[in-house]
PDB file of N, CA and C in Angstrom:
ATOM      1  N   MET A   1       3.317  -0.201  -1.558  1.00  0.00           N
ATOM      2  CA  MET A   1       3.555   0.189  -0.195  1.00  0.00           C
ATOM      3  C   MET A   1       5.031  -0.054   0.107  1.00  0.00           C
ATOM      4  N   ASP A   2       5.623   0.843   0.859  1.00  0.00           N
ATOM      5  CA  ASP A   2       7.015   0.703   1.269  1.00  0.00           C
ATOM      6  C   ASP A   2       7.103  -0.079   2.581  1.00  0.00           C
ATOM      7  N   PHE A   3       8.120  -0.942   2.665  1.00  0.00           N
ATOM      8  CA  PHE A   3       8.360  -1.714   3.878  1.00  0.00           C
ATOM      9  C   PHE A   3       9.764  -1.425   4.385  1.00  0.00           C
ATOM     10  N   ALA A   4       9.922  -1.422   5.703  1.00  0.00           N
ATOM     11  CA  ALA A   4      11.200  -1.099   6.337  1.00  0.00           C
ATOM     12  C   ALA A   4      11.954  -2.377   6.686  1.00  0.00           C
ATOM     13  N   PHE A   5      13.228  -2.404   6.304  1.00  0.00           N
ATOM     14  CA  PHE A   5      14.116  -3.514   6.631  1.00  0.00           C
ATOM     15  C   PHE A   5      15.433  -2.947   7.140  1.00  0.00           C
ATOM     16  N   VAL A   6      16.212  -3.788   7.778  1.00  0.00           N
ATOM     17  CA  VAL A   6      17.543  -3.408   8.241  1.00  0.00           C
ATOM     18  C   VAL A   6      18.548  -4.229   7.442  1.00  0.00           C
ATOM     19  N   CYS A   7      19.548  -3.559   6.877  1.00  0.00           N
ATOM     20  CA  CYS A   7      20.575  -4.241   6.099  1.00  0.00           C
ATOM     21  C   CYS A   7      21.360  -5.183   7.013  1.00  0.00           C
ATOM     22  N   GLY A   8      21.559  -6.391   6.567  1.00  0.00           N
ATOM     23  CA  GLY A   8      22.316  -7.379   7.331  1.00  0.00           C
ATOM     24  C   GLY A   8      23.814  -7.150   7.286  1.00  0.00           C
ATOM     25  N   TRP A   9      24.269  -6.268   6.421  1.00  0.00           N
ATOM     26  CA  TRP A   9      25.695  -5.997   6.267  1.00  0.00           C
ATOM     27  C   TRP A   9      26.138  -4.763   7.050  1.00  0.00           C
ATOM     28  N   CYS A  10      25.340  -3.672   6.968  1.00  0.00           N
ATOM     29  CA  CYS A  10      25.782  -2.420   7.591  1.00  0.00           C
ATOM     30  C   CYS A  10      24.799  -1.878   8.634  1.00  0.00           C
ATOM     31  N   ASP A  11      23.715  -2.594   8.910  1.00  0.00           N
ATOM     32  CA  ASP A  11      22.691  -2.212   9.901  1.00  0.00           C
ATOM     33  C   ASP A  11      21.968  -0.904   9.571  1.00  0.00           C
ATOM     34  N   SER A  12      21.964  -0.488   8.321  1.00  0.00           N
ATOM     35  CA  SER A  12      21.233   0.715   7.911  1.00  0.00           C
ATOM     36  C   SER A  12      19.763   0.384   7.703  1.00  0.00           C
ATOM     37  N   ASP A  13      18.896   1.355   7.957  1.00  0.00           N
ATOM     38  CA  ASP A  13      17.472   1.210   7.665  1.00  0.00           C
ATOM     39  C   ASP A  13      17.264   1.417   6.178  1.00  0.00           C
ATOM     40  N   VAL A  14      16.575   0.460   5.534  1.00  0.00           N
ATOM     41  CA  VAL A  14      16.353   0.499   4.095  1.00  0.00           C
ATOM     42  C   VAL A  14      14.859   0.323   3.832  1.00  0.00           C
ATOM     43  N   THR A  15      14.339   1.045   2.858  1.00  0.00           N
ATOM     44  CA  THR A  15      12.942   0.944   2.457  1.00  0.00           C
ATOM     45  C   THR A  15      12.874   0.188   1.139  1.00  0.00           C
ATOM     46  N   VAL A  16      11.987  -0.823   1.090  1.00  0.00           N
ATOM     47  CA  VAL A  16      11.813  -1.647  -0.102  1.00  0.00           C
ATOM     48  C   VAL A  16      10.354  -1.551  -0.534  1.00  0.00           C
ATOM     49  N   TRP A  17      10.124  -1.306  -1.828  1.00  0.00           N
ATOM     50  CA  TRP A  17       8.774  -1.197  -2.374  1.00  0.00           C
ATOM     51  C   TRP A  17       8.145  -2.568  -2.527  1.00  0.00           C
ATOM     52  N   GLY A  18       6.901  -2.702  -2.027  1.00  0.00           N
ATOM     53  CA  GLY A  18       6.118  -3.918  -2.201  1.00  0.00           C
ATOM     54  C   GLY A  18       5.025  -3.680  -3.216  1.00  0.00           C
ATOM     55  N   GLU A  19       5.007  -4.455  -4.267  1.00  0.00           N
ATOM     56  CA  GLU A  19       4.016  -4.318  -5.339  1.00  0.00           C
ATOM     57  C   GLU A  19       2.683  -4.932  -4.878  1.00  0.00           C
ATOM     58  N   PRO A  20       1.569  -4.176  -4.962  1.00  0.00           N
ATOM     59  CA  PRO A  20       0.275  -4.734  -4.563  1.00  0.00           C
ATOM     60  C   PRO A  20      -0.119  -5.913  -5.451  1.00  0.00           C
ATOM     61  N   VAL A  21      -0.695  -6.930  -4.820  1.00  0.00           N
ATOM     62  CA  VAL A  21      -1.173  -8.115  -5.523  1.00  0.00           C
ATOM     63  C   VAL A  21      -2.679  -8.183  -5.304  1.00  0.00           C
ATOM     64  N   ALA A  22      -3.433  -8.435  -6.354  1.00  0.00           N
ATOM     65  CA  ALA A  22      -4.892  -8.503  -6.247  1.00  0.00           C
ATOM     66  C   ALA A  22      -5.307  -9.654  -5.333  1.00  0.00           C
ATOM     67  N   SER A  23      -6.157  -9.320  -4.363  1.00  0.00           N
ATOM     68  CA  SER A  23      -6.685 -10.321  -3.449  1.00  0.00           C
ATOM     69  C   SER A  23      -8.060  -9.854  -3.003  1.00  0.00           C
ATOM     70  N   TRP A  24      -8.996 -10.728  -2.913  1.00  0.00           N
ATOM     71  CA  TRP A  24     -10.369 -10.324  -2.629  1.00  0.00           C
ATOM     72  C   TRP A  24     -10.645 -10.118  -1.147  1.00  0.00           C
ATOM     73  N   TRP A  25      -9.804 -10.629  -0.240  1.00  0.00           N
ATOM     74  CA  TRP A  25     -10.151 -10.516   1.179  1.00  0.00           C
ATOM     75  C   TRP A  25      -9.123  -9.793   2.032  1.00  0.00           C
ATOM     76  N   THR A  26      -7.961  -9.492   1.506  1.00  0.00           N
ATOM     77  CA  THR A  26      -6.938  -8.825   2.307  1.00  0.00           C
ATOM     78  C   THR A  26      -5.943  -8.108   1.399  1.00  0.00           C
ATOM     79  N   ASP A  27      -5.190  -7.192   1.964  1.00  0.00           N
ATOM     80  CA  ASP A  27      -4.130  -6.526   1.212  1.00  0.00           C
ATOM     81  C   ASP A  27      -2.909  -7.436   1.192  1.00  0.00           C
ATOM     82  N   LYS A  28      -2.391  -7.693   0.012  1.00  0.00           N
ATOM     83  CA  LYS A  28      -1.187  -8.513  -0.129  1.00  0.00           C
ATOM     84  C   LYS A  28      -0.187  -7.767  -0.984  1.00  0.00           C
ATOM     85  N   TYR A  29       1.083  -7.988  -0.701  1.00  0.00           N
ATOM     86  CA  TYR A  29       2.150  -7.319  -1.428  1.00  0.00           C
ATOM     87  C   TYR A  29       3.218  -8.328  -1.791  1.00  0.00           C
ATOM     88  N   GLU A  30       3.850  -8.094  -2.921  1.00  0.00           N
ATOM     89  CA  GLU A  30       4.930  -8.948  -3.390  1.00  0.00           C
ATOM     90  C   GLU A  30       6.216  -8.139  -3.358  1.00  0.00           C
ATOM     91  N   LEU A  31       7.234  -8.684  -2.698  1.00  0.00           N
ATOM     92  CA  LEU A  31       8.534  -8.041  -2.614  1.00  0.00           C
ATOM     93  C   LEU A  31       9.560  -8.895  -3.349  1.00  0.00           C
ATOM     94  N   PRO A  32      10.651  -8.280  -3.806  1.00  0.00           N
ATOM     95  CA  PRO A  32      11.688  -9.072  -4.473  1.00  0.00           C
ATOM     96  C   PRO A  32      12.310 -10.052  -3.478  1.00  0.00           C
ATOM     97  N   ASP A  33      12.801 -11.174  -3.993  1.00  0.00           N
ATOM     98  CA  ASP A  33      13.460 -12.170  -3.134  1.00  0.00           C
ATOM     99  C   ASP A  33      14.735 -11.610  -2.518  1.00  0.00           C
ATOM    100  N   GLU A  34      15.417 -10.758  -3.271  1.00  0.00           N
ATOM    101  CA  GLU A  34      16.656 -10.127  -2.799  1.00  0.00           C
ATOM    102  C   GLU A  34      16.599  -8.639  -3.107  1.00  0.00           C
ATOM    103  N   TRP A  35      17.247  -7.848  -2.266  1.00  0.00           N
ATOM    104  CA  TRP A  35      17.326  -6.403  -2.500  1.00  0.00           C
ATOM    105  C   TRP A  35      18.710  -5.922  -2.093  1.00  0.00           C
ATOM    106  N   GLU A  36      19.124  -4.846  -2.757  1.00  0.00           N
ATOM    107  CA  GLU A  36      20.454  -4.285  -2.540  1.00  0.00           C
ATOM    108  C   GLU A  36      20.358  -3.071  -1.624  1.00  0.00           C
ATOM    109  N   CYS A  37      21.226  -3.025  -0.626  1.00  0.00           N
ATOM    110  CA  CYS A  37      21.274  -1.891   0.294  1.00  0.00           C
ATOM    111  C   CYS A  37      21.728  -0.645  -0.460  1.00  0.00           C
ATOM    112  N   PHE A  38      21.054   0.480  -0.210  1.00  0.00           N
ATOM    113  CA  PHE A  38      21.389   1.732  -0.885  1.00  0.00           C
ATOM    114  C   PHE A  38      22.695   2.319  -0.365  1.00  0.00           C
ATOM    115  N   TYR A  39      23.114   1.909   0.822  1.00  0.00           N
ATOM    116  CA  TYR A  39      24.289   2.503   1.452  1.00  0.00           C
ATOM    117  C   TYR A  39      25.570   1.708   1.187  1.00  0.00           C
ATOM    118  N   CYS A  40      25.531   0.392   1.413  1.00  0.00           N
ATOM    119  CA  CYS A  40      26.755  -0.406   1.274  1.00  0.00           C
ATOM    120  C   CYS A  40      26.730  -1.319   0.051  1.00  0.00           C
ATOM    121  N   GLU A  41      25.588  -1.378  -0.663  1.00  0.00           N
ATOM    122  CA  GLU A  41      25.397  -2.213  -1.848  1.00  0.00           C
ATOM    123  C   GLU A  41      25.447  -3.709  -1.551  1.00  0.00           C
ATOM    124  N   GLY A  42      25.303  -4.069  -0.273  1.00  0.00           N
ATOM    125  CA  GLY A  42      25.223  -5.477   0.103  1.00  0.00           C
ATOM    126  C   GLY A  42      23.889  -6.058  -0.330  1.00  0.00           C
ATOM    127  N   VAL A  43      23.892  -7.308  -0.769  1.00  0.00           N
ATOM    128  CA  VAL A  43      22.670  -7.981  -1.200  1.00  0.00           C
ATOM    129  C   VAL A  43      22.051  -8.691   0.007  1.00  0.00           C
ATOM    130  N   ASN A  44      20.768  -8.425   0.255  1.00  0.00           N
ATOM    131  CA  ASN A  44      20.035  -8.998   1.370  1.00  0.00           C
ATOM    132  C   ASN A  44      18.887  -9.853   0.856  1.00  0.00           C
ATOM    133  N   VAL A  45      18.482 -10.851   1.632  1.00  0.00           N
ATOM    134  CA  VAL A  45      17.356 -11.708   1.301  1.00  0.00           C
ATOM    135  C   VAL A  45      16.139 -11.195   2.062  1.00  0.00           C
ATOM    136  N   THR A  46      15.006 -11.095   1.379  1.00  0.00           N
ATOM    137  CA  THR A  46      13.770 -10.647   2.013  1.00  0.00           C
ATOM    138  C   THR A  46      13.281 -11.730   2.970  1.00  0.00           C
ATOM    139  N   PRO A  47      13.050 -11.371   4.244  1.00  0.00           N
ATOM    140  CA  PRO A  47      12.551 -12.362   5.196  1.00  0.00           C
ATOM    141  C   PRO A  47      11.083 -12.687   4.927  1.00  0.00           C
ATOM    142  N   PRO A  48      10.571 -13.769   5.494  1.00  0.00           N
ATOM    143  CA  PRO A  48       9.150 -14.080   5.321  1.00  0.00           C
ATOM    144  C   PRO A  48       8.278 -13.040   6.030  1.00  0.00           C
ATOM    145  N   PRO A  49       7.037 -12.837   5.554  1.00  0.00           N
ATOM    146  CA  PRO A  49       6.146 -11.877   6.207  1.00  0.00           C
ATOM    147  C   PRO A  49       5.787 -12.353   7.614  1.00  0.00           C
ATOM    148  N   PRO A  50       5.266 -11.497   8.465  1.00  0.00           N
ATOM    149  CA  PRO A  50       4.799 -10.153   8.204  1.00  0.00           C
ATOM    150  C   PRO A  50       5.959  -9.147   8.159  1.00  0.00           C
ATOM    151  N   TRP A  51       5.773  -8.103   7.332  1.00  0.00           N
ATOM    152  CA  TRP A  51       6.771  -7.048   7.181  1.00  0.00           C
ATOM    153  C   TRP A  51       6.275  -5.773   7.846  1.00  0.00           C
ATOM    154  N   THR A  52       7.193  -4.932   8.260  1.00  0.00           N
ATOM    155  CA  THR A  52       6.857  -3.672   8.915  1.00  0.00           C
ATOM    156  C   THR A  52       6.697  -2.583   7.870  1.00  0.00           C
ATOM    157  N   PRO A  53       5.505  -1.961   7.791  1.00  0.00           N
ATOM    158  CA  PRO A  53       5.337  -0.842   6.845  1.00  0.00           C
ATOM    159  C   PRO A  53       6.258   0.309   7.223  1.00  0.00           C
ATOM    160  N   ALA A  54       6.839   0.956   6.215  1.00  0.00           N
ATOM    161  CA  ALA A  54       7.706   2.101   6.442  1.00  0.00           C
ATOM    162  C   ALA A  54       6.845   3.330   6.715  1.00  0.00           C
ATOM    163  N   ASP A  55       7.360   4.231   7.524  1.00  0.00           N
ATOM    164  CA  ASP A  55       6.631   5.463   7.835  1.00  0.00           C
ATOM    165  C   ASP A  55       6.724   6.458   6.723  1.00  0.00           C
TER     166      ASP A  55
END
């Protein structure tokens, strides 16, 4: 599932892929600890959940 974040360096909207994790009672996703902005190449830290699903 894709999640929407805002780059802390250039304020661009960025989509980050969350890998599904097996769980018996709820949907869970694992995201990288850090991700690179596609626009400015700034490195951002993934905030704690809950995350906003991307449209």
